[in-house]
Amino acid sequence: MNAVALVLALAAQVVFSFADPGIDESSGLVDLGALMVTTNDSGDDALLYVIDPATGRTVGRTAYAQAVLDVEALAPAGDGEVWAGDIGDNRATRQSVTVYRVPVGRGDRRVEAPSYRLSYPDGPQDAESLLYAGGRLYVITKAIFGGTVYAAPEHLDPAGVNALTPVGKVGLFATDAALFGDGRHVLVRGYGTAEIRTFPGFVRVAGFDLPDQQQGEGVSIGPGDRIRLSSEGTHSAVLQIGLPDGVADAMAAGPPSTAAPSPSPTATPSIDPTEGRLPAMTTSSSPGPLLTIGVVLLLLLGVGAWARGRRRR
């Protein structure tokens, strides 16, 4: 274990471990204060598990649909309800995905949860992150070069397919996301790193490393902005972490100032989301680490080819 990993491990507090062996692929997490909610991902039933964090024991199970394909994300919906996102699509073949608004609590129950179909404007996408902010759902796709943030319509149609609109980007292979209590910042997590973005602009504020987990796929933000992380694996631990030094200050200071992008005839118009409409999609002018690595590799390959040509002469 290197020095950074050791510091992160020491800073992380184990809140509880899932006592229920049925929870073996925790892929979403919601902090309701006295209770936690999680779900398994692909292959499981439409079932939400309610956990007492004082013991790690399952104190409630809510069945909410006949069948699901790949539930990868949860988000608080208010009033003892959570959004369950059947949005996983590893092979990118689903023409629409489905979200459910599910009441949860202690005890085992079966409910008829309202469901809504969503579709992407640019074809099927894999996603594992769901946000509910300002009365609107947001889906963040999981892509190797960074995901796209899509906004659902403010008023969802239960009978039709609801078109998603791209409104931002993230720089991670995103496995989950959660909204801070101020309503102005979002934490997006990957397997080993996280970043803070503004809401609703999704401008990057800061990034930091996460503690090692078997396969970290869940994040929640609860009372007092406490941050908790879950992982796949039977009896896996739920960790609580604090923000690293400087990150809270960066959030208080706001996003770094950037030059306004040049107008584009195809850009999404900038509209005030508080009026039930969508914010503008923002892009970064910096190439990002993956693109930089790619350029370096291309240069190295070019030098190698030139050297081989010199030897053949």
C-alpha atoms as a PDB file:
ATOM      1  CA  MET A   1       0.000   0.000   0.000  1.00  0.00           C
ATOM      2  CA  ASN A   2       1.461   3.351  -1.055  1.00  0.00           C
ATOM      3  CA  ALA A   3       1.439   6.449   1.126  1.00  0.00           C
ATOM      4  CA  VAL A   4      -1.644   7.991  -0.529  1.00  0.00           C
ATOM      5  CA  ALA A   5      -3.645   4.764  -0.216  1.00  0.00           C
ATOM      6  CA  LEU A   6      -2.600   4.417   3.428  1.00  0.00           C
ATOM      7  CA  VAL A   7      -3.756   7.951   4.253  1.00  0.00           C
ATOM      8  CA  LEU A   8      -7.095   7.347   2.530  1.00  0.00           C
ATOM      9  CA  ALA A   9      -7.590   4.030   4.320  1.00  0.00           C
ATOM     10  CA  LEU A  10      -6.913   5.625   7.698  1.00  0.00           C
ATOM     11  CA  ALA A  11      -9.268   8.536   6.935  1.00  0.00           C
ATOM     12  CA  ALA A  12     -12.159   6.242   5.933  1.00  0.00           C
ATOM     13  CA  GLN A  13     -14.447   5.045   8.696  1.00  0.00           C
ATOM     14  CA  VAL A  14     -16.288   1.722   8.381  1.00  0.00           C
ATOM     15  CA  VAL A  15     -19.888   2.570   9.280  1.00  0.00           C
ATOM     16  CA  PHE A  16     -21.190  -0.975   8.902  1.00  0.00           C
ATOM     17  CA  SER A  17     -20.926  -4.072   6.742  1.00  0.00           C
ATOM     18  CA  PHE A  18     -23.925  -5.560   4.973  1.00  0.00           C
ATOM     19  CA  ALA A  19     -25.074  -8.454   7.151  1.00  0.00           C
ATOM     20  CA  ASP A  20     -27.467  -9.791   4.509  1.00  0.00           C
ATOM     21  CA  PRO A  21     -25.705 -12.258   2.145  1.00  0.00           C
ATOM     22  CA  GLY A  22     -28.353 -11.375  -0.433  1.00  0.00           C
ATOM     23  CA  ILE A  23     -26.634  -8.004  -0.870  1.00  0.00           C
ATOM     24  CA  ASP A  24     -23.652  -9.051  -2.938  1.00  0.00           C
ATOM     25  CA  GLU A  25     -23.468  -6.406  -5.680  1.00  0.00           C
ATOM     26  CA  SER A  26     -24.354  -3.112  -4.024  1.00  0.00           C
ATOM     27  CA  SER A  27     -24.520  -0.686  -6.921  1.00  0.00           C
ATOM     28  CA  GLY A  28     -26.464   2.243  -5.501  1.00  0.00           C
ATOM     29  CA  LEU A  29     -26.759   3.875  -2.107  1.00  0.00           C
ATOM     30  CA  VAL A  30     -29.163   6.349  -0.479  1.00  0.00           C
ATOM     31  CA  ASP A  31     -28.766   7.818   3.012  1.00  0.00           C
ATOM     32  CA  LEU A  32     -32.147   8.510   4.618  1.00  0.00           C
ATOM     33  CA  GLY A  33     -30.621   9.436   7.971  1.00  0.00           C
ATOM     34  CA  ALA A  34     -31.701   6.611  10.287  1.00  0.00           C
ATOM     35  CA  LEU A  35     -31.821   4.131   7.415  1.00  0.00           C
ATOM     36  CA  MET A  36     -29.761   3.332   4.309  1.00  0.00           C
ATOM     37  CA  VAL A  37     -31.073   1.900   1.039  1.00  0.00           C
ATOM     38  CA  THR A  38     -29.168  -0.163  -1.514  1.00  0.00           C
ATOM     39  CA  THR A  39     -29.783  -2.386  -4.520  1.00  0.00           C
ATOM     40  CA  ASN A  40     -27.989  -5.140  -6.358  1.00  0.00           C
ATOM     41  CA  ASP A  41     -27.247  -4.616 -10.030  1.00  0.00           C
ATOM     42  CA  SER A  42     -27.824  -6.913 -13.033  1.00  0.00           C
ATOM     43  CA  GLY A  43     -29.235 -10.343 -12.390  1.00  0.00           C
ATOM     44  CA  ASP A  44     -31.244  -9.502  -9.276  1.00  0.00           C
ATOM     45  CA  ASP A  45     -34.968  -8.956  -8.823  1.00  0.00           C
ATOM     46  CA  ALA A  46     -36.630  -5.551  -8.591  1.00  0.00           C
ATOM     47  CA  LEU A  47     -35.833  -5.346  -4.904  1.00  0.00           C
ATOM     48  CA  LEU A  48     -34.586  -2.545  -2.662  1.00  0.00           C
ATOM     49  CA  TYR A  49     -32.897  -3.351   0.633  1.00  0.00           C
ATOM     50  CA  VAL A  50     -33.400  -1.077   3.660  1.00  0.00           C
ATOM     51  CA  ILE A  51     -30.513  -1.243   6.140  1.00  0.00           C
ATOM     52  CA  ASP A  52     -30.156  -0.174   9.760  1.00  0.00           C
ATOM     53  CA  PRO A  53     -26.678   1.399   9.768  1.00  0.00           C
ATOM     54  CA  ALA A  54     -26.334   0.783  13.517  1.00  0.00           C
ATOM     55  CA  THR A  55     -26.173  -2.967  12.889  1.00  0.00           C
ATOM     56  CA  GLY A  56     -25.790  -3.468   9.125  1.00  0.00           C
ATOM     57  CA  ARG A  57     -28.871  -5.696   9.179  1.00  0.00           C
ATOM     58  CA  THR A  58     -31.604  -5.601   6.555  1.00  0.00           C
ATOM     59  CA  VAL A  59     -34.783  -4.283   8.193  1.00  0.00           C
ATOM     60  CA  GLY A  60     -36.908  -3.929   5.074  1.00  0.00           C
ATOM     61  CA  ARG A  61     -37.241  -5.203   1.523  1.00  0.00           C
ATOM     62  CA  THR A  62     -39.366  -3.519  -1.114  1.00  0.00           C
ATOM     63  CA  ALA A  63     -40.317  -5.312  -4.326  1.00  0.00           C
ATOM     64  CA  TYR A  64     -41.463  -2.754  -6.898  1.00  0.00           C
ATOM     65  CA  ALA A  65     -41.716  -4.349 -10.378  1.00  0.00           C
ATOM     66  CA  GLN A  66     -42.248  -7.694 -12.066  1.00  0.00           C
ATOM     67  CA  ALA A  67     -38.828  -7.705 -13.693  1.00  0.00           C
ATOM     68  CA  VAL A  68     -35.844  -5.439 -14.297  1.00  0.00           C
ATOM     69  CA  LEU A  69     -32.734  -5.753 -16.467  1.00  0.00           C
ATOM     70  CA  ASP A  70     -29.866  -3.909 -14.777  1.00  0.00           C
ATOM     71  CA  VAL A  71     -30.625  -1.599 -11.837  1.00  0.00           C
ATOM     72  CA  GLU A  72     -27.427   0.368 -11.343  1.00  0.00           C
ATOM     73  CA  ALA A  73     -28.378   3.535  -9.469  1.00  0.00           C
ATOM     74  CA  LEU A  74     -30.494   5.028  -6.709  1.00  0.00           C
ATOM     75  CA  ALA A  75     -31.307   8.626  -5.799  1.00  0.00           C
ATOM     76  CA  PRO A  76     -33.319  10.193  -2.964  1.00  0.00           C
ATOM     77  CA  ALA A  77     -36.806  11.187  -4.094  1.00  0.00           C
ATOM     78  CA  GLY A  78     -38.027  12.746  -0.820  1.00  0.00           C
ATOM     79  CA  ASP A  79     -40.810  11.720   1.594  1.00  0.00           C
ATOM     80  CA  GLY A  80     -39.464   8.212   2.208  1.00  0.00           C
ATOM     81  CA  GLU A  81     -39.098   7.436  -1.480  1.00  0.00           C
ATOM     82  CA  VAL A  82     -36.142   6.689  -3.729  1.00  0.00           C
ATOM     83  CA  TRP A  83     -35.614   6.646  -7.467  1.00  0.00           C
ATOM     84  CA  ALA A  84     -34.415   3.263  -8.736  1.00  0.00           C
ATOM     85  CA  GLY A  85     -32.667   3.451 -12.084  1.00  0.00           C
ATOM     86  CA  ASP A  86     -32.822   0.409 -14.367  1.00  0.00           C
ATOM     87  CA  ILE A  87     -30.287   2.189 -16.582  1.00  0.00           C
ATOM     88  CA  GLY A  88     -27.394  -0.263 -16.994  1.00  0.00           C
ATOM     89  CA  ASP A  89     -26.649  -1.243 -20.586  1.00  0.00           C
ATOM     90  CA  ASN A  90     -23.169  -2.746 -20.922  1.00  0.00           C
ATOM     91  CA  ARG A  91     -23.752  -3.753 -24.543  1.00  0.00           C
ATOM     92  CA  ALA A  92     -25.489  -0.486 -25.491  1.00  0.00           C
ATOM     93  CA  THR A  93     -28.526  -2.192 -27.013  1.00  0.00           C
ATOM     94  CA  ARG A  94     -31.481  -0.803 -25.035  1.00  0.00           C
ATOM     95  CA  GLN A  95     -33.631   1.657 -26.968  1.00  0.00           C
ATOM     96  CA  SER A  96     -35.015   2.965 -23.677  1.00  0.00           C
ATOM     97  CA  VAL A  97     -34.273   2.578 -19.970  1.00  0.00           C
ATOM     98  CA  THR A  98     -36.636   2.799 -17.007  1.00  0.00           C
ATOM     99  CA  VAL A  99     -36.727   4.615 -13.682  1.00  0.00           C
ATOM    100  CA  TYR A 100     -39.081   3.863 -10.791  1.00  0.00           C
ATOM    101  CA  ARG A 101     -40.196   6.037  -7.876  1.00  0.00           C
ATOM    102  CA  VAL A 102     -40.337   3.628  -4.941  1.00  0.00           C
ATOM    103  CA  PRO A 103     -41.602   4.156  -1.359  1.00  0.00           C
ATOM    104  CA  VAL A 104     -39.318   2.420   1.143  1.00  0.00           C
ATOM    105  CA  GLY A 105     -39.226   1.762   4.880  1.00  0.00           C
ATOM    106  CA  ARG A 106     -39.023  -0.945   7.479  1.00  0.00           C
ATOM    107  CA  GLY A 107     -40.709  -4.268   6.805  1.00  0.00           C
ATOM    108  CA  ASP A 108     -41.121  -6.371   3.686  1.00  0.00           C
ATOM    109  CA  ARG A 109     -43.575  -5.078   1.110  1.00  0.00           C
ATOM    110  CA  ARG A 110     -44.583  -5.186  -2.521  1.00  0.00           C
ATOM    111  CA  VAL A 111     -45.613  -1.904  -4.120  1.00  0.00           C
ATOM    112  CA  GLU A 112     -46.853  -0.660  -7.469  1.00  0.00           C
ATOM    113  CA  ALA A 113     -44.169   1.927  -8.189  1.00  0.00           C
ATOM    114  CA  PRO A 114     -44.727   4.527 -10.920  1.00  0.00           C
ATOM    115  CA  SER A 115     -42.318   3.878 -13.803  1.00  0.00           C
ATOM    116  CA  TYR A 116     -41.043   6.100 -16.598  1.00  0.00           C
ATOM    117  CA  ARG A 117     -39.137   5.224 -19.742  1.00  0.00           C
ATOM    118  CA  LEU A 118     -36.221   7.399 -20.851  1.00  0.00           C
ATOM    119  CA  SER A 119     -34.373   7.502 -24.166  1.00  0.00           C
ATOM    120  CA  TYR A 120     -31.113   9.114 -25.298  1.00  0.00           C
ATOM    121  CA  PRO A 121     -31.026  11.381 -28.354  1.00  0.00           C
ATOM    122  CA  ASP A 122     -27.809   9.768 -29.618  1.00  0.00           C
ATOM    123  CA  GLY A 123     -28.557   6.080 -29.190  1.00  0.00           C
ATOM    124  CA  PRO A 124     -28.224   3.559 -26.341  1.00  0.00           C
ATOM    125  CA  GLN A 125     -25.774   4.358 -23.538  1.00  0.00           C
ATOM    126  CA  ASP A 126     -24.503   2.540 -20.459  1.00  0.00           C
ATOM    127  CA  ALA A 127     -25.088   4.434 -17.199  1.00  0.00           C
ATOM    128  CA  GLU A 128     -24.749   3.852 -13.463  1.00  0.00           C
ATOM    129  CA  SER A 129     -25.417   7.309 -11.986  1.00  0.00           C
ATOM    130  CA  LEU A 130     -28.737   8.956 -11.199  1.00  0.00           C
ATOM    131  CA  LEU A 131     -29.421  12.381  -9.652  1.00  0.00           C
ATOM    132  CA  TYR A 132     -32.629  14.051  -8.585  1.00  0.00           C
ATOM    133  CA  ALA A 133     -32.134  17.782  -8.279  1.00  0.00           C
ATOM    134  CA  GLY A 134     -34.383  20.793  -8.704  1.00  0.00           C
ATOM    135  CA  GLY A 135     -37.359  18.524  -9.356  1.00  0.00           C
ATOM    136  CA  ARG A 136     -35.656  16.846 -12.322  1.00  0.00           C
ATOM    137  CA  LEU A 137     -33.849  13.545 -12.907  1.00  0.00           C
ATOM    138  CA  TYR A 138     -30.358  13.442 -14.387  1.00  0.00           C
ATOM    139  CA  VAL A 139     -28.555  10.392 -15.782  1.00  0.00           C
ATOM    140  CA  ILE A 140     -24.754  10.310 -16.092  1.00  0.00           C
ATOM    141  CA  THR A 141     -23.381   7.816 -18.573  1.00  0.00           C
ATOM    142  CA  LYS A 142     -20.405   5.550 -17.893  1.00  0.00           C
ATOM    143  CA  ALA A 143     -17.784   6.005 -20.606  1.00  0.00           C
ATOM    144  CA  ILE A 144     -14.028   5.516 -20.663  1.00  0.00           C
ATOM    145  CA  PHE A 145     -13.286   9.085 -21.795  1.00  0.00           C
ATOM    146  CA  GLY A 146     -15.786  10.618 -19.357  1.00  0.00           C
ATOM    147  CA  GLY A 147     -19.552  10.522 -19.211  1.00  0.00           C
ATOM    148  CA  THR A 148     -22.300  12.798 -20.447  1.00  0.00           C
ATOM    149  CA  VAL A 149     -24.933  14.274 -18.150  1.00  0.00           C
ATOM    150  CA  TYR A 150     -28.472  13.994 -19.521  1.00  0.00           C
ATOM    151  CA  ALA A 151     -31.525  15.743 -18.085  1.00  0.00           C
ATOM    152  CA  ALA A 152     -34.972  14.201 -18.126  1.00  0.00           C
ATOM    153  CA  PRO A 153     -38.060  16.351 -18.699  1.00  0.00           C
ATOM    154  CA  GLU A 154     -39.278  18.078 -15.565  1.00  0.00           C
ATOM    155  CA  HIS A 155     -42.673  16.426 -15.949  1.00  0.00           C
ATOM    156  CA  LEU A 156     -42.315  12.753 -16.802  1.00  0.00           C
ATOM    157  CA  ASP A 157     -44.906  11.027 -18.958  1.00  0.00           C
ATOM    158  CA  PRO A 158     -45.736   7.558 -17.586  1.00  0.00           C
ATOM    159  CA  ALA A 159     -47.349   6.495 -20.872  1.00  0.00           C
ATOM    160  CA  GLY A 160     -44.708   7.535 -23.405  1.00  0.00           C
ATOM    161  CA  VAL A 161     -40.939   7.626 -23.803  1.00  0.00           C
ATOM    162  CA  ASN A 162     -39.306  10.665 -22.210  1.00  0.00           C
ATOM    163  CA  ALA A 163     -36.480  12.181 -24.251  1.00  0.00           C
ATOM    164  CA  LEU A 164     -33.248  12.972 -22.409  1.00  0.00           C
ATOM    165  CA  THR A 165     -31.236  16.095 -23.223  1.00  0.00           C
ATOM    166  CA  PRO A 166     -27.424  16.416 -22.847  1.00  0.00           C
ATOM    167  CA  VAL A 167     -26.535  19.224 -20.443  1.00  0.00           C
ATOM    168  CA  GLY A 168     -22.955  18.568 -19.274  1.00  0.00           C
ATOM    169  CA  LYS A 169     -19.924  16.345 -19.020  1.00  0.00           C
ATOM    170  CA  VAL A 170     -17.962  14.576 -16.292  1.00  0.00           C
ATOM    171  CA  GLY A 171     -14.349  13.459 -16.428  1.00  0.00           C
ATOM    172  CA  LEU A 172     -14.701  10.027 -14.854  1.00  0.00           C
ATOM    173  CA  PHE A 173     -15.711   6.471 -15.673  1.00  0.00           C
ATOM    174  CA  ALA A 174     -18.713   7.264 -13.463  1.00  0.00           C
ATOM    175  CA  THR A 175     -20.209   4.568 -11.228  1.00  0.00           C
ATOM    176  CA  ASP A 176     -22.497   6.781  -9.100  1.00  0.00           C
ATOM    177  CA  ALA A 177     -23.277  10.357  -8.116  1.00  0.00           C
ATOM    178  CA  ALA A 178     -24.974  12.272  -5.307  1.00  0.00           C
ATOM    179  CA  LEU A 179     -26.135  15.831  -4.636  1.00  0.00           C
ATOM    180  CA  PHE A 180     -24.782  17.869  -1.704  1.00  0.00           C
ATOM    181  CA  GLY A 181     -27.168  19.507   0.738  1.00  0.00           C
ATOM    182  CA  ASP A 182     -26.516  22.973  -0.674  1.00  0.00           C
ATOM    183  CA  GLY A 183     -28.123  21.886  -3.940  1.00  0.00           C
ATOM    184  CA  ARG A 184     -25.238  23.543  -5.801  1.00  0.00           C
ATOM    185  CA  HIS A 185     -22.636  20.770  -5.927  1.00  0.00           C
ATOM    186  CA  VAL A 186     -22.565  17.173  -7.102  1.00  0.00           C
ATOM    187  CA  LEU A 187     -20.122  14.418  -6.167  1.00  0.00           C
ATOM    188  CA  VAL A 188     -19.423  11.968  -9.003  1.00  0.00           C
ATOM    189  CA  ARG A 189     -17.478   8.828  -8.165  1.00  0.00           C
ATOM    190  CA  GLY A 190     -15.534   6.315 -10.209  1.00  0.00           C
ATOM    191  CA  TYR A 191     -13.845   3.148  -8.995  1.00  0.00           C
ATOM    192  CA  GLY A 192     -10.893   4.942  -7.421  1.00  0.00           C
ATOM    193  CA  THR A 193     -11.420   8.679  -7.824  1.00  0.00           C
ATOM    194  CA  ALA A 194     -14.126  11.291  -7.385  1.00  0.00           C
ATOM    195  CA  GLU A 195     -14.777  14.811  -8.548  1.00  0.00           C
ATOM    196  CA  ILE A 196     -16.932  17.696  -7.421  1.00  0.00           C
ATOM    197  CA  ARG A 197     -18.998  19.506 -10.034  1.00  0.00           C
ATOM    198  CA  THR A 198     -21.318  22.477  -9.814  1.00  0.00           C
ATOM    199  CA  PHE A 199     -25.045  22.152 -10.251  1.00  0.00           C
ATOM    200  CA  PRO A 200     -26.650  22.894 -12.621  1.00  0.00           C
ATOM    201  CA  GLY A 201     -23.653  23.796 -14.785  1.00  0.00           C
ATOM    202  CA  PHE A 202     -21.599  20.631 -14.071  1.00  0.00           C
ATOM    203  CA  VAL A 203     -18.356  22.631 -14.071  1.00  0.00           C
ATOM    204  CA  ARG A 204     -15.492  20.786 -12.399  1.00  0.00           C
ATOM    205  CA  VAL A 205     -14.446  22.253  -9.032  1.00  0.00           C
ATOM    206  CA  ALA A 206     -12.045  19.643  -7.609  1.00  0.00           C
ATOM    207  CA  GLY A 207     -11.019  15.993  -7.765  1.00  0.00           C
ATOM    208  CA  PHE A 208      -9.650  13.557  -5.205  1.00  0.00           C
ATOM    209  CA  ASP A 209      -8.782   9.897  -4.636  1.00  0.00           C
ATOM    210  CA  LEU A 210     -11.102   7.435  -2.905  1.00  0.00           C
ATOM    211  CA  PRO A 211     -10.200   4.609  -0.510  1.00  0.00           C
ATOM    212  CA  ASP A 212      -9.590   1.192  -2.045  1.00  0.00           C
ATOM    213  CA  GLN A 213     -12.731  -0.920  -2.433  1.00  0.00           C
ATOM    214  CA  GLN A 214     -13.386  -4.244  -4.150  1.00  0.00           C
ATOM    215  CA  GLN A 215     -15.542  -2.561  -6.793  1.00  0.00           C
ATOM    216  CA  GLY A 216     -16.790   0.807  -5.601  1.00  0.00           C
ATOM    217  CA  GLU A 217     -20.141   1.550  -7.214  1.00  0.00           C
ATOM    218  CA  GLY A 218     -22.243   3.410  -4.652  1.00  0.00           C
ATOM    219  CA  VAL A 219     -22.133   6.868  -3.076  1.00  0.00           C
ATOM    220  CA  SER A 220     -24.597   8.728  -0.867  1.00  0.00           C
ATOM    221  CA  ILE A 221     -24.657  12.148   0.752  1.00  0.00           C
ATOM    222  CA  GLY A 222     -26.699  12.296   3.936  1.00  0.00           C
ATOM    223  CA  PRO A 223     -27.354  14.608   6.886  1.00  0.00           C
ATOM    224  CA  GLY A 224     -24.500  17.005   7.544  1.00  0.00           C
ATOM    225  CA  ASP A 225     -23.199  16.236   4.038  1.00  0.00           C
ATOM    226  CA  ARG A 226     -21.730  12.972   5.275  1.00  0.00           C
ATOM    227  CA  ILE A 227     -20.353  10.959   2.371  1.00  0.00           C
ATOM    228  CA  ARG A 228     -20.731   7.185   2.348  1.00  0.00           C
ATOM    229  CA  LEU A 229     -19.386   4.680  -0.172  1.00  0.00           C
ATOM    230  CA  SER A 230     -20.511   1.140  -0.951  1.00  0.00           C
ATOM    231  CA  SER A 231     -18.906  -1.636  -2.937  1.00  0.00           C
ATOM    232  CA  GLU A 232     -19.822  -4.890  -4.576  1.00  0.00           C
ATOM    233  CA  GLY A 233     -19.020  -8.083  -2.663  1.00  0.00           C
ATOM    234  CA  THR A 234     -20.837 -10.159  -0.028  1.00  0.00           C
ATOM    235  CA  HIS A 235     -20.697  -8.539   3.437  1.00  0.00           C
ATOM    236  CA  SER A 236     -18.849  -5.568   1.951  1.00  0.00           C
ATOM    237  CA  ALA A 237     -18.235  -2.528   4.142  1.00  0.00           C
ATOM    238  CA  VAL A 238     -19.885   0.867   3.790  1.00  0.00           C
ATOM    239  CA  LEU A 239     -17.284   3.584   4.364  1.00  0.00           C
ATOM    240  CA  GLN A 240     -17.715   7.161   5.504  1.00  0.00           C
ATOM    241  CA  ILE A 241     -15.194   9.726   4.303  1.00  0.00           C
ATOM    242  CA  GLY A 242     -14.595  13.429   4.645  1.00  0.00           C
ATOM    243  CA  LEU A 243     -13.572  15.813   1.914  1.00  0.00           C
ATOM    244  CA  PRO A 244      -9.785  16.146   1.586  1.00  0.00           C
ATOM    245  CA  ASP A 245      -8.073  19.375   2.593  1.00  0.00           C
ATOM    246  CA  GLY A 246      -8.763  22.135   0.113  1.00  0.00           C
ATOM    247  CA  VAL A 247     -11.792  20.552  -1.554  1.00  0.00           C
ATOM    248  CA  ALA A 248     -14.327  22.193   0.759  1.00  0.00           C
ATOM    249  CA  ASP A 249     -12.551  25.512   0.248  1.00  0.00           C
ATOM    250  CA  ALA A 250     -12.701  25.036  -3.522  1.00  0.00           C
ATOM    251  CA  MET A 251     -16.436  24.363  -3.269  1.00  0.00           C
ATOM    252  CA  ALA A 252     -16.961  27.516  -1.223  1.00  0.00           C
ATOM    253  CA  ALA A 253     -14.935  29.535  -3.713  1.00  0.00           C
ATOM    254  CA  GLY A 254     -16.952  28.300  -6.675  1.00  0.00           C
ATOM    255  CA  PRO A 255     -15.752  26.934 -10.021  1.00  0.00           C
ATOM    256  CA  PRO A 256     -12.546  28.266 -11.596  1.00  0.00           C
ATOM    257  CA  SER A 257     -13.161  31.111 -13.994  1.00  0.00           C
ATOM    258  CA  THR A 258     -12.974  30.073 -17.638  1.00  0.00           C
ATOM    259  CA  ALA A 259     -13.319  31.947 -20.879  1.00  0.00           C
ATOM    260  CA  ALA A 260     -16.748  31.758 -22.420  1.00  0.00           C
ATOM    261  CA  PRO A 261     -16.875  29.240 -25.292  1.00  0.00           C
ATOM    262  CA  SER A 262     -17.424  30.462 -28.828  1.00  0.00           C
ATOM    263  CA  PRO A 263     -21.046  30.279 -29.948  1.00  0.00           C
ATOM    264  CA  SER A 264     -21.949  27.159 -31.885  1.00  0.00           C
ATOM    265  CA  PRO A 265     -24.943  26.799 -34.179  1.00  0.00           C
ATOM    266  CA  THR A 266     -25.587  23.322 -32.750  1.00  0.00           C
ATOM    267  CA  ALA A 267     -25.077  24.148 -29.073  1.00  0.00           C
ATOM    268  CA  THR A 268     -27.884  23.629 -26.594  1.00  0.00           C
ATOM    269  CA  PRO A 269     -29.239  27.074 -25.638  1.00  0.00           C
ATOM    270  CA  SER A 270     -28.550  28.339 -22.130  1.00  0.00           C
ATOM    271  CA  ILE A 271     -31.839  28.369 -20.256  1.00  0.00           C
ATOM    272  CA  ASP A 272     -32.620  28.844 -16.585  1.00  0.00           C
ATOM    273  CA  PRO A 273     -33.421  25.366 -15.122  1.00  0.00           C
ATOM    274  CA  THR A 274     -35.369  26.912 -12.255  1.00  0.00           C
ATOM    275  CA  GLU A 275     -38.028  27.784 -14.806  1.00  0.00           C
ATOM    276  CA  GLY A 276     -38.467  24.107 -15.708  1.00  0.00           C
ATOM    277  CA  ARG A 277     -35.994  24.282 -18.576  1.00  0.00           C
ATOM    278  CA  LEU A 278     -32.495  23.049 -19.222  1.00  0.00           C
ATOM    279  CA  PRO A 279     -29.060  24.566 -18.519  1.00  0.00           C
ATOM    280  CA  ALA A 280     -26.501  24.844 -21.276  1.00  0.00           C
ATOM    281  CA  MET A 281     -24.080  22.016 -21.905  1.00  0.00           C
ATOM    282  CA  THR A 282     -20.569  23.097 -20.967  1.00  0.00           C
ATOM    283  CA  THR A 283     -17.324  21.810 -22.354  1.00  0.00           C
ATOM    284  CA  SER A 284     -13.711  22.102 -21.271  1.00  0.00           C
ATOM    285  CA  SER A 285     -10.998  23.572 -23.475  1.00  0.00           C
ATOM    286  CA  SER A 286      -8.297  21.425 -21.854  1.00  0.00           C
ATOM    287  CA  PRO A 287      -7.499  18.092 -23.561  1.00  0.00           C
ATOM    288  CA  GLY A 288      -7.712  16.004 -20.358  1.00  0.00           C
ATOM    289  CA  PRO A 289      -5.288  13.346 -19.154  1.00  0.00           C
ATOM    290  CA  LEU A 290      -6.462  10.524 -21.414  1.00  0.00           C
ATOM    291  CA  LEU A 291      -6.135  12.607 -24.543  1.00  0.00           C
ATOM    292  CA  THR A 292      -2.683  13.785 -23.461  1.00  0.00           C
ATOM    293  CA  ILE A 293      -1.547  10.183 -22.932  1.00  0.00           C
ATOM    294  CA  GLY A 294      -2.878   9.278 -26.381  1.00  0.00           C
ATOM    295  CA  VAL A 295      -0.905  12.080 -28.021  1.00  0.00           C
ATOM    296  CA  VAL A 296       2.286  10.974 -26.239  1.00  0.00           C
ATOM    297  CA  LEU A 297       1.767   7.367 -27.378  1.00  0.00           C
ATOM    298  CA  LEU A 298       1.268   8.488 -30.987  1.00  0.00           C
ATOM    299  CA  LEU A 299       4.483  10.514 -30.819  1.00  0.00           C
ATOM    300  CA  LEU A 300       6.395   7.541 -29.415  1.00  0.00           C
ATOM    301  CA  LEU A 301       5.056   5.268 -32.146  1.00  0.00           C
ATOM    302  CA  GLY A 302       6.103   7.809 -34.760  1.00  0.00           C
ATOM    303  CA  VAL A 303       9.618   8.038 -33.353  1.00  0.00           C
ATOM    304  CA  GLY A 304       9.873   4.228 -33.290  1.00  0.00           C
ATOM    305  CA  ALA A 305       8.785   3.957 -36.914  1.00  0.00           C
ATOM    306  CA  TRP A 306      11.317   6.633 -37.942  1.00  0.00           C
ATOM    307  CA  ALA A 307      14.093   4.778 -36.104  1.00  0.00           C
ATOM    308  CA  ARG A 308      13.264   1.467 -37.774  1.00  0.00           C
ATOM    309  CA  GLY A 309      13.303   3.179 -41.152  1.00  0.00           C
ATOM    310  CA  ARG A 310      16.747   4.604 -40.386  1.00  0.00           C
ATOM    311  CA  ARG A 311      18.079   1.138 -39.516  1.00  0.00           C
ATOM    312  CA  ARG A 312      16.780  -0.358 -42.790  1.00  0.00           C
ATOM    313  CA  ARG A 313      18.583   2.237 -44.870  1.00  0.00           C
END
